[in-house]
C-alpha atoms as a PDB file:
ATOM      1  CA  UNK A   1       0.000   0.000   0.000  1.00  0.00           C
ATOM      2  CA  UNK A   2       1.298   3.420  -0.950  1.00  0.00           C
ATOM      3  CA  UNK A   3       2.049   5.790   1.888  1.00  0.00           C
ATOM      4  CA  UNK A   4       3.524   9.252   2.067  1.00  0.00           C
ATOM      5  CA  UNK A   5       2.420  12.749   1.106  1.00  0.00           C
ATOM      6  CA  UNK A   6      -0.840  13.039  -0.772  1.00  0.00           C
ATOM      7  CA  UNK A   7       0.752  15.029  -3.579  1.00  0.00           C
ATOM      8  CA  UNK A   8       3.239  12.245  -4.259  1.00  0.00           C
ATOM      9  CA  UNK A   9       0.439   9.741  -4.780  1.00  0.00           C
ATOM     10  CA  UNK A  10      -1.606  12.117  -6.921  1.00  0.00           C
ATOM     11  CA  UNK A  11       1.421  12.764  -9.135  1.00  0.00           C
ATOM     12  CA  UNK A  12       1.280   9.076 -10.093  1.00  0.00           C
ATOM     13  CA  UNK A  13      -2.507   8.964 -10.543  1.00  0.00           C
ATOM     14  CA  UNK A  14      -3.869   7.387 -13.710  1.00  0.00           C
ATOM     15  CA  UNK A  15      -7.402   8.702 -13.139  1.00  0.00           C
ATOM     16  CA  UNK A  16      -9.266  11.204 -10.952  1.00  0.00           C
ATOM     17  CA  UNK A  17     -13.061  11.445 -10.863  1.00  0.00           C
ATOM     18  CA  UNK A  18     -15.083  13.997  -8.918  1.00  0.00           C
ATOM     19  CA  UNK A  19     -17.803  12.379  -6.768  1.00  0.00           C
ATOM     20  CA  UNK A  20     -20.447  13.490  -4.296  1.00  0.00           C
ATOM     21  CA  UNK A  21     -21.133  11.010  -1.474  1.00  0.00           C
ATOM     22  CA  UNK A  22     -24.795  10.594  -0.548  1.00  0.00           C
ATOM     23  CA  UNK A  23     -24.015  11.506   3.070  1.00  0.00           C
ATOM     24  CA  UNK A  24     -21.938  14.605   2.311  1.00  0.00           C
ATOM     25  CA  UNK A  25     -23.341  17.633   4.146  1.00  0.00           C
ATOM     26  CA  UNK A  26     -20.559  20.225   4.247  1.00  0.00           C
ATOM     27  CA  UNK A  27     -18.329  21.965   1.728  1.00  0.00           C
ATOM     28  CA  UNK A  28     -15.634  19.372   1.083  1.00  0.00           C
ATOM     29  CA  UNK A  29     -14.543  18.208  -2.364  1.00  0.00           C
ATOM     30  CA  UNK A  30     -14.278  14.486  -3.108  1.00  0.00           C
ATOM     31  CA  UNK A  31     -12.527  12.467  -5.796  1.00  0.00           C
ATOM     32  CA  UNK A  32     -11.983   8.849  -6.621  1.00  0.00           C
ATOM     33  CA  UNK A  33      -8.354   8.320  -7.539  1.00  0.00           C
ATOM     34  CA  UNK A  34      -6.497   5.413  -9.135  1.00  0.00           C
ATOM     35  CA  UNK A  35      -2.732   5.241  -8.634  1.00  0.00           C
ATOM     36  CA  UNK A  36      -0.174   2.446  -8.515  1.00  0.00           C
ATOM     37  CA  UNK A  37      -2.901  -0.104  -9.130  1.00  0.00           C
ATOM     38  CA  UNK A  38      -4.793   1.008  -6.001  1.00  0.00           C
ATOM     39  CA  UNK A  39      -8.193   2.668  -5.620  1.00  0.00           C
ATOM     40  CA  UNK A  40      -8.291   5.714  -3.348  1.00  0.00           C
ATOM     41  CA  UNK A  41     -10.790   8.259  -2.099  1.00  0.00           C
ATOM     42  CA  UNK A  42      -9.627  11.846  -1.714  1.00  0.00           C
ATOM     43  CA  UNK A  43     -11.298  14.448   0.487  1.00  0.00           C
ATOM     44  CA  UNK A  44     -10.266  18.104   0.527  1.00  0.00           C
ATOM     45  CA  UNK A  45     -11.612  20.814   2.822  1.00  0.00           C
ATOM     46  CA  UNK A  46     -10.773  24.079   4.571  1.00  0.00           C
ATOM     47  CA  UNK A  47     -12.456  26.310   7.152  1.00  0.00           C
ATOM     48  CA  UNK A  48     -13.142  28.819   4.378  1.00  0.00           C
ATOM     49  CA  UNK A  49     -15.274  26.317   2.451  1.00  0.00           C
ATOM     50  CA  UNK A  50     -16.526  23.871   5.104  1.00  0.00           C
ATOM     51  CA  UNK A  51     -19.284  25.084   7.424  1.00  0.00           C
ATOM     52  CA  UNK A  52     -18.835  22.140   9.803  1.00  0.00           C
ATOM     53  CA  UNK A  53     -15.262  23.171  10.485  1.00  0.00           C
ATOM     54  CA  UNK A  54     -16.429  26.693  11.235  1.00  0.00           C
ATOM     55  CA  UNK A  55     -19.281  25.821  13.618  1.00  0.00           C
ATOM     56  CA  UNK A  56     -17.130  23.291  15.482  1.00  0.00           C
ATOM     57  CA  UNK A  57     -14.352  25.851  15.855  1.00  0.00           C
ATOM     58  CA  UNK A  58     -11.813  23.872  13.851  1.00  0.00           C
ATOM     59  CA  UNK A  59      -9.308  26.307  12.399  1.00  0.00           C
ATOM     60  CA  UNK A  60      -6.324  23.961  12.852  1.00  0.00           C
ATOM     61  CA  UNK A  61      -7.412  20.845  10.909  1.00  0.00           C
ATOM     62  CA  UNK A  62      -7.977  18.507  13.839  1.00  0.00           C
ATOM     63  CA  UNK A  63      -8.023  15.294  11.760  1.00  0.00           C
ATOM     64  CA  UNK A  64      -4.515  16.167  10.606  1.00  0.00           C
ATOM     65  CA  UNK A  65      -3.385  16.749  14.191  1.00  0.00           C
ATOM     66  CA  UNK A  66      -4.746  13.324  15.139  1.00  0.00           C
ATOM     67  CA  UNK A  67      -3.079  11.694  12.140  1.00  0.00           C
ATOM     68  CA  UNK A  68       0.252  13.410  12.786  1.00  0.00           C
ATOM     69  CA  UNK A  69       0.150  12.399  16.459  1.00  0.00           C
ATOM     70  CA  UNK A  70      -0.269   8.745  15.472  1.00  0.00           C
ATOM     71  CA  UNK A  71      -3.588   8.402  17.264  1.00  0.00           C
ATOM     72  CA  UNK A  72      -5.394   6.802  14.322  1.00  0.00           C
ATOM     73  CA  UNK A  73      -2.791   4.089  14.040  1.00  0.00           C
ATOM     74  CA  UNK A  74      -3.021   3.395  17.779  1.00  0.00           C
ATOM     75  CA  UNK A  75      -6.673   2.398  17.412  1.00  0.00           C
ATOM     76  CA  UNK A  76      -7.331  -1.312  18.057  1.00  0.00           C
ATOM     77  CA  UNK A  77      -7.152  -3.679  15.120  1.00  0.00           C
ATOM     78  CA  UNK A  78     -10.959  -3.894  14.944  1.00  0.00           C
ATOM     79  CA  UNK A  79     -10.997  -0.304  13.575  1.00  0.00           C
ATOM     80  CA  UNK A  80      -9.990   0.566  10.018  1.00  0.00           C
ATOM     81  CA  UNK A  81      -9.652   4.335   9.532  1.00  0.00           C
ATOM     82  CA  UNK A  82      -8.603   3.756   5.875  1.00  0.00           C
ATOM     83  CA  UNK A  83      -6.294   6.805   5.836  1.00  0.00           C
ATOM     84  CA  UNK A  84      -3.141   6.468   3.752  1.00  0.00           C
ATOM     85  CA  UNK A  85      -1.819  10.033   3.904  1.00  0.00           C
ATOM     86  CA  UNK A  86      -2.728  13.583   4.878  1.00  0.00           C
ATOM     87  CA  UNK A  87      -1.232  16.960   4.172  1.00  0.00           C
ATOM     88  CA  UNK A  88      -2.120  20.620   4.717  1.00  0.00           C
ATOM     89  CA  UNK A  89      -1.292  23.296   2.168  1.00  0.00           C
ATOM     90  CA  UNK A  90      -1.804  27.028   2.566  1.00  0.00           C
ATOM     91  CA  UNK A  91      -2.292  29.217   5.607  1.00  0.00           C
ATOM     92  CA  UNK A  92      -5.091  30.481   7.824  1.00  0.00           C
ATOM     93  CA  UNK A  93      -8.678  29.554   7.050  1.00  0.00           C
ATOM     94  CA  UNK A  94      -7.763  29.044   3.407  1.00  0.00           C
ATOM     95  CA  UNK A  95      -5.410  26.192   4.318  1.00  0.00           C
ATOM     96  CA  UNK A  96      -6.633  22.995   2.649  1.00  0.00           C
ATOM     97  CA  UNK A  97      -6.478  19.584   4.285  1.00  0.00           C
ATOM     98  CA  UNK A  98      -6.154  16.707   1.810  1.00  0.00           C
ATOM     99  CA  UNK A  99      -6.997  13.263   3.148  1.00  0.00           C
ATOM    100  CA  UNK A 100      -6.202  10.246   0.988  1.00  0.00           C
ATOM    101  CA  UNK A 101      -8.025   7.072   1.981  1.00  0.00           C
ATOM    102  CA  UNK A 102      -8.310   3.581   0.572  1.00  0.00           C
ATOM    103  CA  UNK A 103     -11.560   3.305  -1.368  1.00  0.00           C
ATOM    104  CA  UNK A 104     -13.734   0.988   0.726  1.00  0.00           C
ATOM    105  CA  UNK A 105     -17.056   2.112  -0.724  1.00  0.00           C
ATOM    106  CA  UNK A 106     -18.240  -1.447  -1.369  1.00  0.00           C
ATOM    107  CA  UNK A 107     -18.024  -2.223   2.364  1.00  0.00           C
ATOM    108  CA  UNK A 108     -19.797   0.880   3.688  1.00  0.00           C
ATOM    109  CA  UNK A 109     -23.333   0.909   5.095  1.00  0.00           C
ATOM    110  CA  UNK A 110     -25.580   1.724   2.127  1.00  0.00           C
ATOM    111  CA  UNK A 111     -27.403   5.092   2.182  1.00  0.00           C
ATOM    112  CA  UNK A 112     -31.047   5.110   3.224  1.00  0.00           C
ATOM    113  CA  UNK A 113     -33.144   4.323   6.266  1.00  0.00           C
ATOM    114  CA  UNK A 114     -33.119   0.519   6.233  1.00  0.00           C
ATOM    115  CA  UNK A 115     -32.115  -1.162   9.465  1.00  0.00           C
ATOM    116  CA  UNK A 116     -28.631  -2.603   9.493  1.00  0.00           C
ATOM    117  CA  UNK A 117     -28.137  -6.274  10.239  1.00  0.00           C
ATOM    118  CA  UNK A 118     -28.237  -7.069  13.979  1.00  0.00           C
ATOM    119  CA  UNK A 119     -24.764  -8.607  13.796  1.00  0.00           C
ATOM    120  CA  UNK A 120     -23.360  -5.507  12.118  1.00  0.00           C
ATOM    121  CA  UNK A 121     -24.934  -3.203  14.713  1.00  0.00           C
ATOM    122  CA  UNK A 122     -23.588  -5.422  17.507  1.00  0.00           C
ATOM    123  CA  UNK A 123     -20.146  -5.166  15.940  1.00  0.00           C
ATOM    124  CA  UNK A 124     -20.333  -1.383  15.792  1.00  0.00           C
ATOM    125  CA  UNK A 125     -21.282  -1.164  19.467  1.00  0.00           C
ATOM    126  CA  UNK A 126     -18.595  -3.621  20.508  1.00  0.00           C
ATOM    127  CA  UNK A 127     -15.902  -1.841  18.519  1.00  0.00           C
ATOM    128  CA  UNK A 128     -17.023   1.544  19.837  1.00  0.00           C
ATOM    129  CA  UNK A 129     -16.438   0.137  23.319  1.00  0.00           C
ATOM    130  CA  UNK A 130     -13.124  -1.422  22.311  1.00  0.00           C
ATOM    131  CA  UNK A 131     -11.890   1.892  20.916  1.00  0.00           C
ATOM    132  CA  UNK A 132     -12.931   3.683  24.107  1.00  0.00           C
ATOM    133  CA  UNK A 133     -11.245   1.054  26.287  1.00  0.00           C
ATOM    134  CA  UNK A 134      -8.021   1.233  24.267  1.00  0.00           C
ATOM    135  CA  UNK A 135      -7.681   4.950  25.017  1.00  0.00           C
ATOM    136  CA  UNK A 136      -9.148   4.915  28.529  1.00  0.00           C
ATOM    137  CA  UNK A 137      -7.928   7.907  30.495  1.00  0.00           C
ATOM    138  CA  UNK A 138      -6.704   9.734  27.376  1.00  0.00           C
ATOM    139  CA  UNK A 139      -6.494  13.504  27.713  1.00  0.00           C
ATOM    140  CA  UNK A 140      -6.109  15.981  24.867  1.00  0.00           C
ATOM    141  CA  UNK A 141      -2.822  17.870  24.707  1.00  0.00           C
ATOM    142  CA  UNK A 142      -2.847  18.742  20.993  1.00  0.00           C
ATOM    143  CA  UNK A 143      -5.816  21.133  20.701  1.00  0.00           C
ATOM    144  CA  UNK A 144      -8.772  19.022  19.596  1.00  0.00           C
ATOM    145  CA  UNK A 145     -12.552  19.405  19.990  1.00  0.00           C
ATOM    146  CA  UNK A 146     -13.666  20.418  23.492  1.00  0.00           C
ATOM    147  CA  UNK A 147     -16.849  19.269  25.186  1.00  0.00           C
ATOM    148  CA  UNK A 148     -18.163  22.834  25.244  1.00  0.00           C
ATOM    149  CA  UNK A 149     -17.761  22.998  21.473  1.00  0.00           C
ATOM    150  CA  UNK A 150     -19.637  19.708  21.085  1.00  0.00           C
ATOM    151  CA  UNK A 151     -22.509  20.980  23.231  1.00  0.00           C
ATOM    152  CA  UNK A 152     -22.773  24.216  21.238  1.00  0.00           C
ATOM    153  CA  UNK A 153     -22.343  22.635  17.788  1.00  0.00           C
ATOM    154  CA  UNK A 154     -25.841  23.675  16.624  1.00  0.00           C
ATOM    155  CA  UNK A 155     -26.598  26.272  19.313  1.00  0.00           C
ATOM    156  CA  UNK A 156     -28.588  29.175  17.831  1.00  0.00           C
ATOM    157  CA  UNK A 157     -25.874  31.690  18.660  1.00  0.00           C
ATOM    158  CA  UNK A 158     -23.206  29.464  17.153  1.00  0.00           C
ATOM    159  CA  UNK A 159     -24.972  28.906  13.829  1.00  0.00           C
ATOM    160  CA  UNK A 160     -26.145  32.520  13.455  1.00  0.00           C
ATOM    161  CA  UNK A 161     -23.213  33.553  11.211  1.00  0.00           C
ATOM    162  CA  UNK A 162     -23.959  30.646   8.849  1.00  0.00           C
ATOM    163  CA  UNK A 163     -27.604  31.722   8.623  1.00  0.00           C
ATOM    164  CA  UNK A 164     -26.409  35.108   7.400  1.00  0.00           C
ATOM    165  CA  UNK A 165     -24.492  33.691   4.428  1.00  0.00           C
ATOM    166  CA  UNK A 166     -25.899  33.931   0.876  1.00  0.00           C
ATOM    167  CA  UNK A 167     -26.050  30.128   0.545  1.00  0.00           C
ATOM    168  CA  UNK A 168     -27.234  28.776   3.910  1.00  0.00           C
ATOM    169  CA  UNK A 169     -26.234  25.108   4.361  1.00  0.00           C
ATOM    170  CA  UNK A 170     -29.237  22.785   4.495  1.00  0.00           C
ATOM    171  CA  UNK A 171     -28.486  21.344   7.939  1.00  0.00           C
ATOM    172  CA  UNK A 172     -28.050  24.848   9.360  1.00  0.00           C
ATOM    173  CA  UNK A 173     -31.422  25.954   7.993  1.00  0.00           C
ATOM    174  CA  UNK A 174     -32.976  22.774   9.395  1.00  0.00           C
ATOM    175  CA  UNK A 175     -31.404  23.392  12.803  1.00  0.00           C
ATOM    176  CA  UNK A 176     -32.795  26.920  12.946  1.00  0.00           C
ATOM    177  CA  UNK A 177     -36.270  25.638  12.073  1.00  0.00           C
ATOM    178  CA  UNK A 178     -36.009  22.800  14.588  1.00  0.00           C
ATOM    179  CA  UNK A 179     -35.040  25.114  17.418  1.00  0.00           C
ATOM    180  CA  UNK A 180     -37.950  27.364  16.436  1.00  0.00           C
ATOM    181  CA  UNK A 181     -40.391  24.458  16.712  1.00  0.00           C
ATOM    182  CA  UNK A 182     -38.970  22.776  19.800  1.00  0.00           C
ATOM    183  CA  UNK A 183     -40.531  25.010  22.514  1.00  0.00           C
ATOM    184  CA  UNK A 184     -44.011  24.167  21.252  1.00  0.00           C
ATOM    185  CA  UNK A 185     -43.281  20.451  21.028  1.00  0.00           C
ATOM    186  CA  UNK A 186     -41.167  19.935  24.137  1.00  0.00           C
ATOM    187  CA  UNK A 187     -40.760  22.872  26.497  1.00  0.00           C
ATOM    188  CA  UNK A 188     -38.576  20.623  28.656  1.00  0.00           C
ATOM    189  CA  UNK A 189     -36.005  19.869  25.938  1.00  0.00           C
ATOM    190  CA  UNK A 190     -36.069  23.477  24.768  1.00  0.00           C
ATOM    191  CA  UNK A 191     -35.432  24.820  28.259  1.00  0.00           C
ATOM    192  CA  UNK A 192     -32.590  22.411  28.974  1.00  0.00           C
ATOM    193  CA  UNK A 193     -30.939  23.003  25.600  1.00  0.00           C
ATOM    194  CA  UNK A 194     -31.068  26.750  26.148  1.00  0.00           C
ATOM    195  CA  UNK A 195     -29.452  26.396  29.582  1.00  0.00           C
ATOM    196  CA  UNK A 196     -26.653  24.219  28.222  1.00  0.00           C
ATOM    197  CA  UNK A 197     -26.011  26.549  25.287  1.00  0.00           C
ATOM    198  CA  UNK A 198     -25.743  29.510  27.637  1.00  0.00           C
ATOM    199  CA  UNK A 199     -23.745  27.677  30.307  1.00  0.00           C
ATOM    200  CA  UNK A 200     -21.955  24.590  28.938  1.00  0.00           C
ATOM    201  CA  UNK A 201     -20.245  24.215  32.300  1.00  0.00           C
ATOM    202  CA  UNK A 202     -23.535  22.824  33.643  1.00  0.00           C
ATOM    203  CA  UNK A 203     -22.460  19.617  31.915  1.00  0.00           C
ATOM    204  CA  UNK A 204     -18.751  19.983  31.265  1.00  0.00           C
ATOM    205  CA  UNK A 205     -18.054  20.470  34.976  1.00  0.00           C
ATOM    206  CA  UNK A 206     -19.655  17.236  36.223  1.00  0.00           C
ATOM    207  CA  UNK A 207     -18.567  15.329  33.098  1.00  0.00           C
ATOM    208  CA  UNK A 208     -15.004  16.252  33.999  1.00  0.00           C
ATOM    209  CA  UNK A 209     -15.452  14.233  37.185  1.00  0.00           C
ATOM    210  CA  UNK A 210     -16.166  11.062  35.190  1.00  0.00           C
ATOM    211  CA  UNK A 211     -13.645   9.004  33.179  1.00  0.00           C
ATOM    212  CA  UNK A 212     -12.529  10.220  29.773  1.00  0.00           C
ATOM    213  CA  UNK A 213     -11.218   8.563  26.657  1.00  0.00           C
ATOM    214  CA  UNK A 214     -10.475   9.456  23.048  1.00  0.00           C
ATOM    215  CA  UNK A 215     -13.613  10.303  21.047  1.00  0.00           C
ATOM    216  CA  UNK A 216     -13.652   9.821  17.283  1.00  0.00           C
ATOM    217  CA  UNK A 217     -16.783  11.953  17.461  1.00  0.00           C
ATOM    218  CA  UNK A 218     -19.021  10.940  14.549  1.00  0.00           C
ATOM    219  CA  UNK A 219     -20.329   7.356  14.726  1.00  0.00           C
ATOM    220  CA  UNK A 220     -23.113   7.847  12.171  1.00  0.00           C
ATOM    221  CA  UNK A 221     -23.965   5.187   9.607  1.00  0.00           C
ATOM    222  CA  UNK A 222     -22.673   7.370   6.779  1.00  0.00           C
ATOM    223  CA  UNK A 223     -19.181   6.964   8.258  1.00  0.00           C
ATOM    224  CA  UNK A 224     -19.430   3.253   9.025  1.00  0.00           C
ATOM    225  CA  UNK A 225     -18.919  -0.032   7.258  1.00  0.00           C
ATOM    226  CA  UNK A 226     -17.788  -3.590   7.857  1.00  0.00           C
ATOM    227  CA  UNK A 227     -15.054  -5.643   6.264  1.00  0.00           C
ATOM    228  CA  UNK A 228     -15.811  -9.312   5.511  1.00  0.00           C
ATOM    229  CA  UNK A 229     -13.569 -10.254   8.461  1.00  0.00           C
ATOM    230  CA  UNK A 230     -15.748  -8.190  10.812  1.00  0.00           C
ATOM    231  CA  UNK A 231     -13.527  -5.151  11.289  1.00  0.00           C
ATOM    232  CA  UNK A 232     -15.361  -1.823  11.479  1.00  0.00           C
ATOM    233  CA  UNK A 233     -14.616   0.900   8.954  1.00  0.00           C
ATOM    234  CA  UNK A 234     -14.698   4.269  10.721  1.00  0.00           C
ATOM    235  CA  UNK A 235     -14.367   7.299   8.449  1.00  0.00           C
ATOM    236  CA  UNK A 236     -14.247  11.075   8.842  1.00  0.00           C
ATOM    237  CA  UNK A 237     -12.560  11.759  12.173  1.00  0.00           C
ATOM    238  CA  UNK A 238     -13.747  15.356  12.022  1.00  0.00           C
ATOM    239  CA  UNK A 239     -14.591  15.920  15.714  1.00  0.00           C
ATOM    240  CA  UNK A 240     -11.831  14.140  17.643  1.00  0.00           C
ATOM    241  CA  UNK A 241     -11.006  14.943  21.223  1.00  0.00           C
ATOM    242  CA  UNK A 242     -11.032  13.835  24.826  1.00  0.00           C
ATOM    243  CA  UNK A 243     -14.402  13.148  26.412  1.00  0.00           C
ATOM    244  CA  UNK A 244     -16.805  10.662  27.971  1.00  0.00           C
ATOM    245  CA  UNK A 245     -17.311   7.329  26.206  1.00  0.00           C
ATOM    246  CA  UNK A 246     -21.078   7.706  26.558  1.00  0.00           C
ATOM    247  CA  UNK A 247     -20.936  10.732  24.260  1.00  0.00           C
ATOM    248  CA  UNK A 248     -20.054   8.695  21.184  1.00  0.00           C
ATOM    249  CA  UNK A 249     -22.658   6.126  22.241  1.00  0.00           C
ATOM    250  CA  UNK A 250     -25.416   8.745  22.534  1.00  0.00           C
ATOM    251  CA  UNK A 251     -24.340  10.297  19.226  1.00  0.00           C
ATOM    252  CA  UNK A 252     -24.699   6.873  17.606  1.00  0.00           C
ATOM    253  CA  UNK A 253     -28.166   6.410  19.109  1.00  0.00           C
ATOM    254  CA  UNK A 254     -29.377   9.887  18.155  1.00  0.00           C
ATOM    255  CA  UNK A 255     -28.194   9.972  14.548  1.00  0.00           C
ATOM    256  CA  UNK A 256     -28.843   6.342  13.597  1.00  0.00           C
ATOM    257  CA  UNK A 257     -32.305   5.979  15.092  1.00  0.00           C
ATOM    258  CA  UNK A 258     -34.063   4.645  11.985  1.00  0.00           C
ATOM    259  CA  UNK A 259     -31.343   2.100  11.315  1.00  0.00           C
ATOM    260  CA  UNK A 260     -31.026   0.441  14.716  1.00  0.00           C
ATOM    261  CA  UNK A 261     -32.245  -3.194  14.826  1.00  0.00           C
ATOM    262  CA  UNK A 262     -32.826  -3.119  18.590  1.00  0.00           C
ATOM    263  CA  UNK A 263     -34.193  -0.722  21.203  1.00  0.00           C
ATOM    264  CA  UNK A 264     -31.899   2.038  22.401  1.00  0.00           C
ATOM    265  CA  UNK A 265     -32.038   0.634  25.933  1.00  0.00           C
ATOM    266  CA  UNK A 266     -30.669  -2.678  24.659  1.00  0.00           C
ATOM    267  CA  UNK A 267     -27.889  -0.904  22.753  1.00  0.00           C
ATOM    268  CA  UNK A 268     -26.934   1.061  25.867  1.00  0.00           C
ATOM    269  CA  UNK A 269     -26.696  -2.109  27.925  1.00  0.00           C
ATOM    270  CA  UNK A 270     -24.761  -3.802  25.114  1.00  0.00           C
ATOM    271  CA  UNK A 271     -22.208  -0.988  25.189  1.00  0.00           C
ATOM    272  CA  UNK A 272     -21.819  -1.105  28.958  1.00  0.00           C
ATOM    273  CA  UNK A 273     -21.360  -4.877  28.896  1.00  0.00           C
ATOM    274  CA  UNK A 274     -18.701  -4.544  26.201  1.00  0.00           C
ATOM    275  CA  UNK A 275     -16.805  -1.934  28.215  1.00  0.00           C
ATOM    276  CA  UNK A 276     -16.737  -4.329  31.156  1.00  0.00           C
ATOM    277  CA  UNK A 277     -15.511  -7.132  28.891  1.00  0.00           C
ATOM    278  CA  UNK A 278     -12.647  -4.923  27.759  1.00  0.00           C
ATOM    279  CA  UNK A 279     -11.597  -4.302  31.345  1.00  0.00           C
ATOM    280  CA  UNK A 280     -13.347  -0.996  32.083  1.00  0.00           C
ATOM    281  CA  UNK A 281     -15.136  -0.958  35.444  1.00  0.00           C
ATOM    282  CA  UNK A 282     -18.342   1.047  35.000  1.00  0.00           C
ATOM    283  CA  UNK A 283     -19.195   1.602  38.647  1.00  0.00           C
ATOM    284  CA  UNK A 284     -19.738   4.109  40.145  1.00  0.00           C
ATOM    285  CA  UNK A 285     -19.610   6.613  37.271  1.00  0.00           C
ATOM    286  CA  UNK A 286     -21.801   5.005  34.605  1.00  0.00           C
ATOM    287  CA  UNK A 287     -25.246   6.427  35.330  1.00  0.00           C
ATOM    288  CA  UNK A 288     -24.006   9.968  35.935  1.00  0.00           C
ATOM    289  CA  UNK A 289     -22.006  10.023  32.696  1.00  0.00           C
ATOM    290  CA  UNK A 290     -24.829   8.504  30.669  1.00  0.00           C
ATOM    291  CA  UNK A 291     -27.315  11.030  32.088  1.00  0.00           C
ATOM    292  CA  UNK A 292     -25.077  13.994  31.330  1.00  0.00           C
ATOM    293  CA  UNK A 293     -24.453  12.764  27.781  1.00  0.00           C
ATOM    294  CA  UNK A 294     -28.170  12.217  27.137  1.00  0.00           C
ATOM    295  CA  UNK A 295     -28.788  15.805  28.173  1.00  0.00           C
ATOM    296  CA  UNK A 296     -25.834  17.026  26.129  1.00  0.00           C
ATOM    297  CA  UNK A 297     -26.876  15.196  22.986  1.00  0.00           C
ATOM    298  CA  UNK A 298     -30.283  16.853  23.184  1.00  0.00           C
ATOM    299  CA  UNK A 299     -28.575  20.229  23.531  1.00  0.00           C
ATOM    300  CA  UNK A 300     -26.819  19.293  20.298  1.00  0.00           C
ATOM    301  CA  UNK A 301     -29.600  17.542  18.371  1.00  0.00           C
ATOM    302  CA  UNK A 302     -32.853  18.543  20.039  1.00  0.00           C
ATOM    303  CA  UNK A 303     -33.640  20.514  16.881  1.00  0.00           C
ATOM    304  CA  UNK A 304     -33.389  17.340  14.809  1.00  0.00           C
ATOM    305  CA  UNK A 305     -35.860  15.519  17.050  1.00  0.00           C
ATOM    306  CA  UNK A 306     -38.290  18.443  16.681  1.00  0.00           C
ATOM    307  CA  UNK A 307     -38.307  17.802  12.938  1.00  0.00           C
ATOM    308  CA  UNK A 308     -38.853  14.045  13.295  1.00  0.00           C
ATOM    309  CA  UNK A 309     -41.626  11.777  14.525  1.00  0.00           C
ATOM    310  CA  UNK A 310     -43.376  12.116  17.847  1.00  0.00           C
ATOM    311  CA  UNK A 311     -42.295   8.744  19.248  1.00  0.00           C
ATOM    312  CA  UNK A 312     -38.615   9.591  18.844  1.00  0.00           C
ATOM    313  CA  UNK A 313     -39.044  13.027  20.403  1.00  0.00           C
ATOM    314  CA  UNK A 314     -40.998  11.521  23.284  1.00  0.00           C
ATOM    315  CA  UNK A 315     -38.270   8.943  23.975  1.00  0.00           C
ATOM    316  CA  UNK A 316     -35.566  11.564  24.247  1.00  0.00           C
ATOM    317  CA  UNK A 317     -37.782  13.871  26.311  1.00  0.00           C
ATOM    318  CA  UNK A 318     -38.502  11.069  28.776  1.00  0.00           C
ATOM    319  CA  UNK A 319     -34.845  10.091  29.035  1.00  0.00           C
ATOM    320  CA  UNK A 320     -33.716  13.695  29.389  1.00  0.00           C
ATOM    321  CA  UNK A 321     -36.305  14.450  32.072  1.00  0.00           C
ATOM    322  CA  UNK A 322     -35.076  11.530  34.170  1.00  0.00           C
ATOM    323  CA  UNK A 323     -31.447  12.419  33.585  1.00  0.00           C
ATOM    324  CA  UNK A 324     -31.997  16.074  34.514  1.00  0.00           C
ATOM    325  CA  UNK A 325     -33.781  15.081  37.722  1.00  0.00           C
ATOM    326  CA  UNK A 326     -30.916  12.804  38.753  1.00  0.00           C
ATOM    327  CA  UNK A 327     -28.332  15.483  37.876  1.00  0.00           C
ATOM    328  CA  UNK A 328     -30.189  18.302  39.633  1.00  0.00           C
ATOM    329  CA  UNK A 329     -30.691  20.350  36.454  1.00  0.00           C
ATOM    330  CA  UNK A 330     -33.860  22.455  36.260  1.00  0.00           C
ATOM    331  CA  UNK A 331     -36.244  21.369  33.509  1.00  0.00           C
ATOM    332  CA  UNK A 332     -38.277  24.549  33.225  1.00  0.00           C
ATOM    333  CA  UNK A 333     -41.526  22.721  33.859  1.00  0.00           C
END
């Protein structure tokens, strides 16, 4: 397999084809590349062109920092990040990150809303736990995504500059509409989200008292796949950082709702059991961390639940109400 600077591989390319992945939501450019008899996938992005980088506060190309620090290659063997090379060219917000990956498109979860196979889902949960266990206790010293930034990802004040652009990104417009609707659908979720947006320390403080690990940050089906040997493909390490393992779990549950072949409660228990199997003792911190992450995920994606079906909104409202009561956070009722 070819390794080294992206430009060196591209100089030997025999074909380059622009593509647009079905799950692409930001401003990155994508190409399929053939070089040295290998099939590659190239992604290029910069803060100037990518709204996700801007709203998450990434002006330093965090995936590149993770790659350069060797963190991707320290992931357990069950995880395939597919990255062959990265490089950054340019300066400031115009600096472009080029990520060259092996083309594993045939092994990715297909687009759509069909449920994934139970065995594949079980593998994702198990490997999420294995990744967390492998980095247990990891703390960020290279300037990655903070928990406050995660909590304010789609906060109204944070997305306001994107709403003022001539070409408002679709997810940003949807978030603004979802936040507008949420108070009428769930005053509880709206009140809690507003509190967290205004004072992230409501959650970051107590979360800091629970164990941390390395977070890949985006376990959505559009980034996932499975090799025939069972290894999990995990793409797009766009929001890496130190944080609670339950955050990536709750992210997975919130964004993959339609595709889960079992109840969320069962998936939560599956994850906890896997952590224990990988040597992580989950007492006494488990319930507190899970509660805080449930609340935090609704501060991040409550808008999305306001645009979805009632049953899904009701589930998260019920879980958040219980979590807030146990954590002593006012619900606004």
